[in-house]
């Protein structure tokens, strides 16, 4: 698991770097403007609409496929996959049809502050981007299928063709043809699907159109997916509230939230996604085999792995929020006002970085155990808290208040999930994890102080960007030296692994 997770982390880093270049390109050409706001809303609407259904279906697909393999055979599991893909196509057709009819109403729901040309542009973009739902639906299923077959690399690399095409579309659109922004996103999704298909075919899969609503496993999928759909729905309602309030607070507010959240998700995508991608099929298999001890062992390692890298990232993001934004986005039309706006949002998003990471790990354990109700209930409570805090904190902190509300709600939900999972599984090493976490927090704070001192001392002489890069580099060395001295278990295990590798040569 560790070797695969490390490989996926390397791929994720490269993919996220390319993804960041995409965001930097958008910021360079469009900054925090009405055009970028309209474009981001047009991307948000299809993803939110399909997420109501798509996430529930894709999340329950992996454990159900494993169950079918355990109870029946591969032929039956492949039939179930064909039935699911065919159903998804019908569902997407319904969603796209309704979306095209009510496009303007949808835009006004997601961004009530849009008026005039920004509203017209958002409606135009959205009518184009809705078509990408077809590709997204198939990508979700095929990615899960390949992970079941222990092919994690191909699904992990689909971000490369997607981001390259988006970057190209943004650059060309800046010459005057804004429609290429929306068209490029749809073509990029299609390219992702084409990227997956050869690997899927090499596994021996063959698609056959099949609609069987009486399929017992399809019915079971809907039963398991319903709580996830409800949970996702309330989460997306929170996204809707965030975007609507942001559009009312300041022009470019939606863009500032997006850029800061992308920075936040950069760390999440590298660390958490890499760990959960490997973890989920394994714990789903153990859950099907009733191997609770093996499941708890993987869970404990996953939590410790997330803490090891997310805690120092949180400290770094909070201490250097504006310098990081300036380094990555501060060029072109992205001026100091945009830097300050986005940097403030990033600071508050960083507070919830650990909560969001652990939440992703814990939720997948419940899904593997085919308990989708508990995450739904916890997510619902968290979203209600988030929405209430949105209105309160936005009044005092503006855009930053929306990010702070998200962070508080994320930490609240994670605490609820820990409590629920402890009741469900029994002890899974929380005291050991807590002890390790205290060590990691201590090392991260010392790292932060050292990095900040270097940055403040050198920024006038060297320049802010150069001082930031040096401070971050030194910070990484200080952190890993400290956790080595503190004998953090994960570091000790990695040291033993390296010793074995070197002695075997």
Protein backbone atom coordinates (compact mmCIF):
# COMPACT_ATOMS: atom_id res chain seq x y z
CA UNK A 1 0.00 0.00 0.00
CA UNK A 2 2.77 2.47 0.96
CA UNK A 3 4.70 1.93 -2.27
CA UNK A 4 1.59 2.45 -4.41
CA UNK A 5 0.52 5.48 -2.35
CA UNK A 6 3.99 7.01 -2.79
CA UNK A 7 3.85 6.49 -6.55
CA UNK A 8 0.36 8.00 -6.70
CA UNK A 9 1.57 10.92 -4.60
CA UNK A 10 4.32 11.64 -7.12
CA UNK A 11 1.79 11.49 -9.97
CA UNK A 12 -0.59 13.67 -7.95
CA UNK A 13 2.13 16.27 -7.36
CA UNK A 14 2.89 16.46 -11.08
CA UNK A 15 -0.82 16.55 -11.94
CA UNK A 16 -1.52 19.25 -9.37
CA UNK A 17 1.39 21.32 -10.65
CA UNK A 18 -0.15 21.22 -14.11
CA UNK A 19 -3.52 22.01 -12.53
CA UNK A 20 -1.96 24.99 -10.83
CA UNK A 21 -0.57 26.19 -14.11
CA UNK A 22 -4.18 26.07 -15.35
CA UNK A 23 -5.33 28.27 -12.46
CA UNK A 24 -2.36 30.59 -12.92
CA UNK A 25 -3.24 30.88 -16.62
CA UNK A 26 -6.83 31.79 -15.76
CA UNK A 27 -5.64 34.31 -13.18
CA UNK A 28 -3.11 35.80 -15.62
CA UNK A 29 -5.61 36.41 -18.41
CA UNK A 30 -8.82 37.07 -16.44
CA UNK A 31 -7.84 37.76 -12.79
CA UNK A 32 -10.78 38.20 -10.39
CA UNK A 33 -13.19 39.59 -12.99
CA UNK A 34 -16.75 39.13 -14.15
CA UNK A 35 -15.54 36.85 -16.96
CA UNK A 36 -13.68 34.52 -14.58
CA UNK A 37 -16.68 34.51 -12.22
CA UNK A 38 -19.05 33.58 -15.08
CA UNK A 39 -16.70 30.85 -16.29
CA UNK A 40 -16.30 29.32 -12.82
CA UNK A 41 -20.05 29.31 -12.23
CA UNK A 42 -20.52 27.56 -15.59
CA UNK A 43 -18.11 24.86 -14.43
CA UNK A 44 -19.72 24.65 -10.99
CA UNK A 45 -23.34 24.16 -12.10
CA UNK A 46 -22.91 20.87 -14.06
CA UNK A 47 -20.57 19.42 -11.44
CA UNK A 48 -22.97 20.27 -8.62
CA UNK A 49 -26.05 18.97 -10.45
CA UNK A 50 -24.41 15.67 -11.37
CA UNK A 51 -22.75 15.36 -7.96
CA UNK A 52 -26.19 14.90 -6.44
CA UNK A 53 -26.35 11.53 -8.18
CA UNK A 54 -22.92 10.81 -9.59
CA UNK A 55 -20.93 10.81 -6.37
CA UNK A 56 -23.34 8.44 -4.67
CA UNK A 57 -23.21 6.05 -7.61
CA UNK A 58 -19.44 6.13 -8.07
CA UNK A 59 -18.72 5.77 -4.35
CA UNK A 60 -20.91 2.69 -3.87
CA UNK A 61 -19.81 1.06 -7.14
CA UNK A 62 -16.47 -0.28 -5.81
CA UNK A 63 -17.77 -2.11 -2.70
CA UNK A 64 -20.76 -3.46 -4.64
CA UNK A 65 -18.54 -4.78 -7.44
CA UNK A 66 -16.41 -6.54 -4.80
CA UNK A 67 -19.53 -8.00 -3.22
CA UNK A 68 -20.74 -9.34 -6.56
CA UNK A 69 -17.34 -10.93 -7.18
CA UNK A 70 -17.50 -12.49 -3.71
CA UNK A 71 -21.11 -13.71 -4.04
CA UNK A 72 -21.24 -14.48 -7.78
CA UNK A 73 -18.48 -14.11 -10.38
CA UNK A 74 -16.79 -11.63 -12.73
CA UNK A 75 -19.37 -12.11 -15.50
CA UNK A 76 -22.13 -10.94 -13.16
CA UNK A 77 -20.02 -8.00 -12.00
CA UNK A 78 -19.38 -6.93 -15.62
CA UNK A 79 -23.11 -7.13 -16.35
CA UNK A 80 -23.77 -4.87 -13.39
CA UNK A 81 -21.20 -2.38 -14.74
CA UNK A 82 -22.91 -2.30 -18.15
CA UNK A 83 -26.29 -1.77 -16.53
CA UNK A 84 -24.91 1.09 -14.43
CA UNK A 85 -23.29 2.83 -17.41
CA UNK A 86 -26.48 2.58 -19.47
CA UNK A 87 -28.54 3.96 -16.60
CA UNK A 88 -26.07 6.83 -16.19
CA UNK A 89 -26.51 7.76 -19.85
CA UNK A 90 -30.29 8.03 -19.44
CA UNK A 91 -29.88 10.03 -16.24
CA UNK A 92 -27.43 12.44 -17.87
CA UNK A 93 -29.81 12.99 -20.78
CA UNK A 94 -32.56 13.98 -18.35
CA UNK A 95 -30.22 16.32 -16.44
CA UNK A 96 -28.90 18.01 -19.59
CA UNK A 97 -32.42 18.46 -21.01
CA UNK A 98 -33.72 20.13 -17.85
CA UNK A 99 -30.52 22.16 -17.53
CA UNK A 100 -30.87 23.60 -21.03
CA UNK A 101 -34.48 24.59 -20.37
CA UNK A 102 -33.81 26.28 -17.02
CA UNK A 103 -30.26 27.57 -17.57
CA UNK A 104 -30.85 31.19 -16.58
CA UNK A 105 -32.76 30.18 -13.47
CA UNK A 106 -29.90 27.87 -12.46
CA UNK A 107 -27.34 30.64 -12.87
CA UNK A 108 -29.42 33.02 -10.77
CA UNK A 109 -29.68 30.37 -8.03
CA UNK A 110 -25.92 29.80 -7.98
CA UNK A 111 -24.93 33.45 -8.37
CA UNK A 112 -27.78 35.75 -7.45
CA UNK A 113 -25.45 38.75 -7.62
CA UNK A 114 -24.86 38.35 -11.38
CA UNK A 115 -26.42 40.98 -13.62
CA UNK A 116 -26.03 42.31 -17.16
CA UNK A 117 -23.18 40.94 -19.25
CA UNK A 118 -21.84 38.70 -16.48
CA UNK A 119 -25.22 36.96 -16.22
CA UNK A 120 -25.53 36.60 -20.01
CA UNK A 121 -22.03 35.17 -20.24
CA UNK A 122 -22.63 32.71 -17.40
CA UNK A 123 -25.83 31.45 -19.08
CA UNK A 124 -24.03 31.05 -22.42
CA UNK A 125 -21.11 29.19 -20.83
CA UNK A 126 -23.37 26.91 -18.80
CA UNK A 127 -25.38 25.77 -21.83
CA UNK A 128 -22.12 24.52 -23.31
CA UNK A 129 -20.58 22.95 -20.20
CA UNK A 130 -23.69 20.89 -19.40
CA UNK A 131 -22.65 18.46 -22.15
CA UNK A 132 -19.59 17.44 -20.15
CA UNK A 133 -21.81 15.56 -17.70
CA UNK A 134 -21.93 12.55 -20.06
CA UNK A 135 -18.17 12.16 -19.96
CA UNK A 136 -17.93 12.75 -16.21
CA UNK A 137 -20.43 9.96 -15.52
CA UNK A 138 -18.45 7.40 -17.52
CA UNK A 139 -15.13 8.60 -16.04
CA UNK A 140 -16.41 7.98 -12.49
CA UNK A 141 -17.35 4.38 -13.25
CA UNK A 142 -14.29 3.52 -15.34
CA UNK A 143 -11.90 5.01 -12.75
CA UNK A 144 -13.47 2.84 -10.07
CA UNK A 145 -13.34 -0.20 -12.37
CA UNK A 146 -9.60 0.22 -12.94
CA UNK A 147 -8.92 0.71 -9.23
CA UNK A 148 -10.74 -2.55 -8.51
CA UNK A 149 -8.38 -4.20 -11.00
CA UNK A 150 -5.42 -2.69 -9.09
CA UNK A 151 -4.66 -0.19 -11.85
CA UNK A 152 -4.29 3.06 -9.94
CA UNK A 153 -1.87 4.84 -12.25
CA UNK A 154 -4.08 5.46 -15.29
CA UNK A 155 -6.99 6.98 -13.28
CA UNK A 156 -4.46 9.12 -11.39
CA UNK A 157 -3.06 10.59 -14.63
CA UNK A 158 -6.31 11.74 -16.26
CA UNK A 159 -5.67 15.24 -14.92
CA UNK A 160 -2.78 15.74 -17.34
CA UNK A 161 -4.71 15.75 -20.65
CA UNK A 162 -7.58 17.61 -18.99
CA UNK A 163 -5.42 20.45 -17.68
CA UNK A 164 -3.29 20.79 -20.81
CA UNK A 165 -6.38 21.25 -22.97
CA UNK A 166 -7.96 23.71 -20.51
CA UNK A 167 -4.76 25.79 -20.44
CA UNK A 168 -4.73 25.89 -24.23
CA UNK A 169 -8.41 26.89 -24.36
CA UNK A 170 -7.92 29.72 -21.83
CA UNK A 171 -4.94 31.12 -23.70
CA UNK A 172 -6.65 31.01 -27.11
CA UNK A 173 -9.92 32.43 -25.74
CA UNK A 174 -8.07 35.51 -24.49
CA UNK A 175 -7.64 36.54 -28.14
CA UNK A 176 -11.35 37.36 -28.25
CA UNK A 177 -13.34 34.13 -28.62
CA UNK A 178 -14.67 33.62 -25.07
CA UNK A 179 -16.80 30.61 -26.08
CA UNK A 180 -13.58 28.56 -26.20
CA UNK A 181 -13.45 28.74 -22.39
CA UNK A 182 -16.60 26.59 -22.11
CA UNK A 183 -15.95 24.45 -25.20
CA UNK A 184 -12.45 23.67 -23.93
CA UNK A 185 -13.79 22.30 -20.64
CA UNK A 186 -16.14 19.88 -22.43
CA UNK A 187 -13.43 18.70 -24.83
CA UNK A 188 -11.07 18.25 -21.89
CA UNK A 189 -13.59 15.94 -20.16
CA UNK A 190 -13.96 13.94 -23.38
CA UNK A 191 -10.19 13.59 -23.57
CA UNK A 192 -10.12 12.23 -20.02
CA UNK A 193 -12.55 9.48 -21.00
CA UNK A 194 -10.49 8.61 -24.09
CA UNK A 195 -7.46 8.39 -21.80
CA UNK A 196 -9.16 5.69 -19.68
CA UNK A 197 -10.76 3.55 -22.39
CA UNK A 198 -7.62 1.69 -23.64
CA UNK A 199 -6.75 0.60 -20.08
CA UNK A 200 -10.33 -0.53 -19.47
CA UNK A 201 -10.33 -2.57 -22.70
CA UNK A 202 -7.02 -4.20 -21.73
CA UNK A 203 -8.78 -5.58 -18.64
CA UNK A 204 -11.09 -7.47 -20.99
CA UNK A 205 -14.10 -5.23 -20.41
CA UNK A 206 -16.63 -4.98 -23.23
CA UNK A 207 -19.53 -2.54 -23.06
CA UNK A 208 -23.01 -3.78 -23.97
CA UNK A 209 -26.09 -1.56 -23.78
CA UNK A 210 -28.23 -2.96 -20.98
CA UNK A 211 -31.14 -1.52 -19.04
CA UNK A 212 -32.45 -3.80 -16.30
CA UNK A 213 -34.22 -1.90 -13.56
CA UNK A 214 -35.01 -5.20 -11.83
CA UNK A 215 -31.32 -5.96 -11.27
CA UNK A 216 -30.99 -6.67 -7.54
CA UNK A 217 -27.53 -5.12 -7.42
CA UNK A 218 -28.67 -1.95 -9.18
CA UNK A 219 -31.45 -1.65 -6.62
CA UNK A 220 -28.93 -2.20 -3.83
CA UNK A 221 -26.72 0.52 -5.32
CA UNK A 222 -29.60 3.01 -5.27
CA UNK A 223 -30.41 2.03 -1.68
CA UNK A 224 -26.80 2.56 -0.59
CA UNK A 225 -26.32 5.64 -2.77
CA UNK A 226 -29.40 7.49 -1.51
CA UNK A 227 -27.82 8.66 1.78
CA UNK A 228 -24.68 9.71 -0.14
CA UNK A 229 -26.88 11.59 -2.62
CA UNK A 230 -28.58 13.38 0.26
CA UNK A 231 -25.22 14.06 1.92
CA UNK A 232 -23.76 15.37 -1.34
CA UNK A 233 -26.87 17.44 -1.93
CA UNK A 234 -26.56 19.26 1.36
CA UNK A 235 -22.84 19.78 0.70
CA UNK A 236 -23.63 21.25 -2.70
CA UNK A 237 -26.26 23.48 -1.13
CA UNK A 238 -23.41 24.86 0.94
CA UNK A 239 -21.39 25.48 -2.26
CA UNK A 240 -24.43 27.25 -3.67
CA UNK A 241 -24.71 29.49 -0.59
CA UNK A 242 -20.97 30.25 -0.71
CA UNK A 243 -21.08 31.27 -4.37
CA UNK A 244 -24.27 33.30 -3.97
CA UNK A 245 -22.97 35.25 -0.98
CA UNK A 246 -19.58 35.75 -2.66
CA UNK A 247 -21.25 37.20 -5.76
CA UNK A 248 -23.06 39.70 -3.53
CA UNK A 249 -20.05 40.72 -1.38
CA UNK A 250 -17.58 41.77 -4.08
CA UNK A 251 -16.97 41.40 -7.82
CA UNK A 252 -14.39 38.68 -8.26
CA UNK A 253 -15.39 37.10 -4.94
CA UNK A 254 -16.25 33.80 -6.60
CA UNK A 255 -12.85 33.78 -8.32
CA UNK A 256 -11.04 34.54 -5.04
CA UNK A 257 -12.82 31.64 -3.34
CA UNK A 258 -11.92 29.39 -6.27
CA UNK A 259 -8.21 30.29 -6.36
CA UNK A 260 -7.82 29.92 -2.58
CA UNK A 261 -9.74 26.65 -2.56
CA UNK A 262 -7.56 25.32 -5.39
CA UNK A 263 -4.50 25.98 -3.26
CA UNK A 264 -6.20 24.22 -0.36
CA UNK A 265 -7.18 21.28 -2.58
CA UNK A 266 -3.65 21.07 -3.97
CA UNK A 267 -2.44 19.64 -0.67
CA UNK A 268 -5.59 17.55 -0.30
CA UNK A 269 -5.17 16.10 -3.77
CA UNK A 270 -1.52 15.19 -3.28
CA UNK A 271 -1.78 13.64 0.18
CA UNK A 272 -5.35 12.60 0.91
CA UNK A 273 -6.45 11.49 -2.55
CA UNK A 274 -3.30 9.40 -2.97
CA UNK A 275 -3.89 7.63 0.35
CA UNK A 276 -7.65 7.11 -0.01
CA UNK A 277 -7.35 5.92 -3.62
CA UNK A 278 -5.20 3.01 -2.49
CA UNK A 279 -7.00 2.50 0.81
CA UNK A 280 -10.58 2.35 -0.42
CA UNK A 281 -10.53 -0.78 -2.64
CA UNK A 282 -8.49 -2.60 0.04
CA UNK A 283 -10.82 -1.79 2.92
CA UNK A 284 -13.84 -2.51 0.70
CA UNK A 285 -12.42 -5.97 0.07
CA UNK A 286 -11.70 -6.50 3.78
CA UNK A 287 -15.18 -5.32 4.68
CA UNK A 288 -16.69 -7.85 2.23
CA UNK A 289 -14.55 -10.56 3.84
CA UNK A 290 -15.48 -9.40 7.40
CA UNK A 291 -11.80 -8.73 8.20
CA UNK A 292 -12.28 -5.97 10.77
CA UNK A 293 -8.75 -6.13 12.22
CA UNK A 294 -7.13 -5.69 8.82
CA UNK A 295 -9.50 -2.82 8.08
CA UNK A 296 -8.62 -1.03 11.33
CA UNK A 297 -4.91 -1.46 10.69
CA UNK A 298 -5.17 0.20 7.27
CA UNK A 299 -7.39 2.95 8.73
CA UNK A 300 -4.87 3.75 11.46
CA UNK A 301 -2.02 3.99 8.94
CA UNK A 302 -4.11 6.18 6.63
CA UNK A 303 -4.97 8.63 9.42
CA UNK A 304 -1.33 8.86 10.52
CA UNK A 305 -0.21 9.36 6.92
CA UNK A 306 -2.65 12.24 6.45
CA UNK A 307 -1.59 13.89 9.72
CA UNK A 308 2.11 13.54 8.86
CA UNK A 309 1.84 15.81 5.82
CA UNK A 310 -1.33 17.87 6.33
CA UNK A 311 -0.42 19.35 9.73
CA UNK A 312 2.80 21.09 8.54
CA UNK A 313 1.02 22.15 5.34
CA UNK A 314 -1.67 23.81 7.47
CA UNK A 315 0.87 25.78 9.47
CA UNK A 316 2.72 26.83 6.31
CA UNK A 317 -0.44 27.93 4.51
CA UNK A 318 -1.57 30.05 7.46
CA UNK A 319 1.81 31.74 7.99
CA UNK A 320 2.43 32.45 4.30
CA UNK A 321 -1.07 32.79 2.82
CA UNK A 322 -0.51 36.10 0.96
CA UNK A 323 3.11 35.39 -0.09
CA UNK A 324 2.01 32.01 -1.53
CA UNK A 325 -0.82 33.63 -3.50
CA UNK A 326 1.52 36.36 -4.75
CA UNK A 327 4.12 33.80 -5.84
CA UNK A 328 1.64 31.64 -7.73
CA UNK A 329 -0.90 34.12 -9.11
CA UNK A 330 0.58 37.62 -8.77
CA UNK A 331 1.11 38.49 -12.43
CA UNK A 332 -0.86 39.71 -15.42
CA UNK A 333 -4.18 41.26 -14.37
CA UNK A 334 -4.00 39.57 -10.95
CA UNK A 335 -3.08 42.68 -8.94
CA UNK A 336 -2.33 43.32 -5.24
CA UNK A 337 -6.03 43.74 -4.46
CA UNK A 338 -6.66 40.23 -5.81
CA UNK A 339 -3.64 38.93 -3.86
CA UNK A 340 -4.95 40.36 -0.59
CA UNK A 341 -8.49 39.10 -1.23
CA UNK A 342 -7.38 35.57 -2.14
CA UNK A 343 -4.69 35.41 0.56
CA UNK A 344 -7.22 36.21 3.28
CA UNK A 345 -9.51 33.43 2.05
CA UNK A 346 -6.62 30.93 1.94
CA UNK A 347 -5.70 31.67 5.57
CA UNK A 348 -9.17 30.69 6.76
CA UNK A 349 -9.44 27.68 4.43
CA UNK A 350 -6.15 26.36 5.84
CA UNK A 351 -7.69 26.08 9.31
CA UNK A 352 -9.93 23.26 8.06
CA UNK A 353 -7.35 21.48 5.92
CA UNK A 354 -6.79 18.65 8.41
CA UNK A 355 -10.49 18.23 9.08
CA UNK A 356 -11.24 17.88 5.36
CA UNK A 357 -8.43 15.35 4.92
CA UNK A 358 -9.44 13.10 7.80
CA UNK A 359 -13.09 13.39 6.85
CA UNK A 360 -12.32 11.89 3.41
CA UNK A 361 -10.57 8.94 5.04
CA UNK A 362 -13.27 8.27 7.63
CA UNK A 363 -16.19 8.55 5.21
CA UNK A 364 -14.68 5.90 2.95
CA UNK A 365 -14.50 3.46 5.85
CA UNK A 366 -18.24 3.86 6.40
CA UNK A 367 -18.89 3.43 2.67
CA UNK A 368 -16.76 0.28 2.59
CA UNK A 369 -18.86 -1.08 5.46
CA UNK A 370 -21.94 -0.16 3.38
CA UNK A 371 -23.06 2.30 6.04
CA UNK A 372 -23.90 5.41 4.06
CA UNK A 373 -26.42 6.81 6.54
CA UNK A 374 -23.94 7.84 9.23
CA UNK A 375 -21.84 10.09 6.94
CA UNK A 376 -25.08 11.54 5.56
CA UNK A 377 -26.38 12.52 8.99
CA UNK A 378 -23.05 13.96 10.09
CA UNK A 379 -22.62 15.87 6.82
CA UNK A 380 -26.13 17.30 7.14
CA UNK A 381 -25.40 18.64 10.62
CA UNK A 382 -22.09 20.07 9.43
CA UNK A 383 -23.66 21.81 6.44
CA UNK A 384 -26.40 23.33 8.57
CA UNK A 385 -23.69 24.69 10.87
CA UNK A 386 -21.73 25.92 7.84
CA UNK A 387 -24.67 27.82 6.36
CA UNK A 388 -25.50 29.47 9.69
CA UNK A 389 -21.87 30.48 10.16
CA UNK A 390 -21.71 31.74 6.55
CA UNK A 391 -24.27 34.45 7.23
CA UNK A 392 -22.76 35.37 10.61
CA UNK A 393 -19.06 35.38 9.70
CA UNK A 394 -19.48 36.91 6.22
CA UNK A 395 -20.99 39.95 7.96
CA UNK A 396 -17.78 40.51 9.93
CA UNK A 397 -15.05 38.99 7.73
CA UNK A 398 -16.49 39.27 4.22
CA UNK A 399 -15.23 36.60 1.81
CA UNK A 400 -12.87 35.25 4.48
CA UNK A 401 -15.86 34.50 6.70
CA UNK A 402 -17.20 32.04 4.12
CA UNK A 403 -13.90 30.14 4.19
CA UNK A 404 -13.76 30.17 8.00
CA UNK A 405 -17.30 28.79 8.18
CA UNK A 406 -16.29 25.95 5.85
CA UNK A 407 -13.26 25.12 8.01
CA UNK A 408 -15.19 25.09 11.29
CA UNK A 409 -17.91 22.87 9.80
CA UNK A 410 -15.30 20.48 8.37
CA UNK A 411 -13.61 20.04 11.76
CA UNK A 412 -17.01 19.58 13.42
CA UNK A 413 -18.01 16.86 10.93
CA UNK A 414 -14.68 15.05 11.38
CA UNK A 415 -15.15 14.93 15.15
CA UNK A 416 -18.62 13.45 14.68
CA UNK A 417 -17.25 10.82 12.28
CA UNK A 418 -14.49 9.81 14.72
CA UNK A 419 -17.08 9.36 17.46
CA UNK A 420 -19.40 7.33 15.23
CA UNK A 421 -16.62 5.12 13.87
CA UNK A 422 -15.28 4.43 17.36
CA UNK A 423 -18.72 3.17 18.34
CA UNK A 424 -18.97 1.05 15.19
CA UNK A 425 -15.51 -0.53 15.05
CA UNK A 426 -14.24 -0.32 18.60
CA UNK A 427 -10.68 0.78 19.34
CA UNK A 428 -8.52 1.43 16.29
CA UNK A 429 -5.47 3.07 17.86
CA UNK A 430 -6.78 6.57 18.61
CA UNK A 431 -4.52 7.03 21.65
CA UNK A 432 -1.44 6.15 19.61
CA UNK A 433 -2.61 8.43 16.80
CA UNK A 434 -3.18 11.27 19.30
CA UNK A 435 0.34 10.89 20.71
CA UNK A 436 1.82 11.00 17.22
CA UNK A 437 -0.32 14.02 16.33
CA UNK A 438 0.99 15.99 19.31
CA UNK A 439 4.56 15.32 18.09
CA UNK A 440 3.64 16.43 14.57
CA UNK A 441 1.99 19.65 15.79
CA UNK A 442 5.05 20.50 17.91
CA UNK A 443 7.41 19.89 14.99
CA UNK A 444 5.18 21.91 12.65
CA UNK A 445 5.06 24.94 14.97
CA UNK A 446 8.86 25.00 15.33
CA UNK A 447 9.13 24.62 11.55
CA UNK A 448 6.75 27.53 11.10
CA UNK A 449 8.71 29.82 13.41
CA UNK A 450 11.98 28.99 11.67
CA UNK A 451 10.49 29.53 8.21
CA UNK A 452 8.85 32.81 9.17
CA UNK A 453 12.09 34.15 10.66
CA UNK A 454 14.00 33.35 7.46
CA UNK A 455 11.29 34.93 5.29
CA UNK A 456 11.12 38.18 7.28
CA UNK A 457 14.91 38.43 7.45
CA UNK A 458 15.51 37.94 3.72
CA UNK A 459 12.48 39.34 1.86
CA UNK A 460 13.84 42.90 1.60
CA UNK A 461 17.30 41.82 0.48
CA UNK A 462 16.35 38.89 -1.77
CA UNK A 463 12.79 39.72 -2.76
CA UNK A 464 9.56 38.20 -1.41
CA UNK A 465 9.31 35.25 -3.81
CA UNK A 466 12.93 34.13 -3.42
CA UNK A 467 12.75 34.49 0.37
CA UNK A 468 9.52 32.46 0.44
CA UNK A 469 11.00 29.58 -1.57
CA UNK A 470 14.09 29.45 0.67
CA UNK A 471 11.96 29.64 3.82
CA UNK A 472 9.75 26.79 2.61
CA UNK A 473 12.76 24.66 1.67
CA UNK A 474 14.39 25.16 5.07
CA UNK A 475 11.04 24.53 6.75
CA UNK A 476 10.70 21.13 5.09
CA UNK A 477 14.20 20.11 6.23
CA UNK A 478 13.56 21.33 9.79
CA UNK A 479 10.25 19.49 9.99
CA UNK A 480 11.54 16.11 8.83
CA UNK A 481 14.63 16.44 11.04
CA UNK A 482 12.40 17.10 14.06
CA UNK A 483 10.00 14.21 13.42
CA UNK A 484 13.04 11.98 12.98
CA UNK A 485 14.35 13.07 16.40
CA UNK A 486 10.90 12.61 17.93
CA UNK A 487 10.80 9.03 16.59
CA UNK A 488 7.46 9.34 14.84
CA UNK A 489 6.36 5.77 14.02
CA UNK A 490 5.74 6.39 10.32
CA UNK A 491 9.26 7.77 9.92
CA UNK A 492 10.72 4.82 11.82
CA UNK A 493 8.84 2.39 9.57
CA UNK A 494 10.11 4.19 6.48
CA UNK A 495 13.68 4.03 7.83
CA UNK A 496 13.36 0.25 8.33
CA UNK A 497 11.95 -0.07 4.82
CA UNK A 498 14.94 1.80 3.34
CA UNK A 499 17.40 -0.29 5.35
CA UNK A 500 15.84 -3.48 4.01
CA UNK A 501 15.98 -2.19 0.46
CA UNK A 502 19.64 -1.17 0.77
CA UNK A 503 20.70 -4.41 2.46
CA UNK A 504 19.01 -6.49 -0.25
CA UNK A 505 21.23 -4.95 -2.93
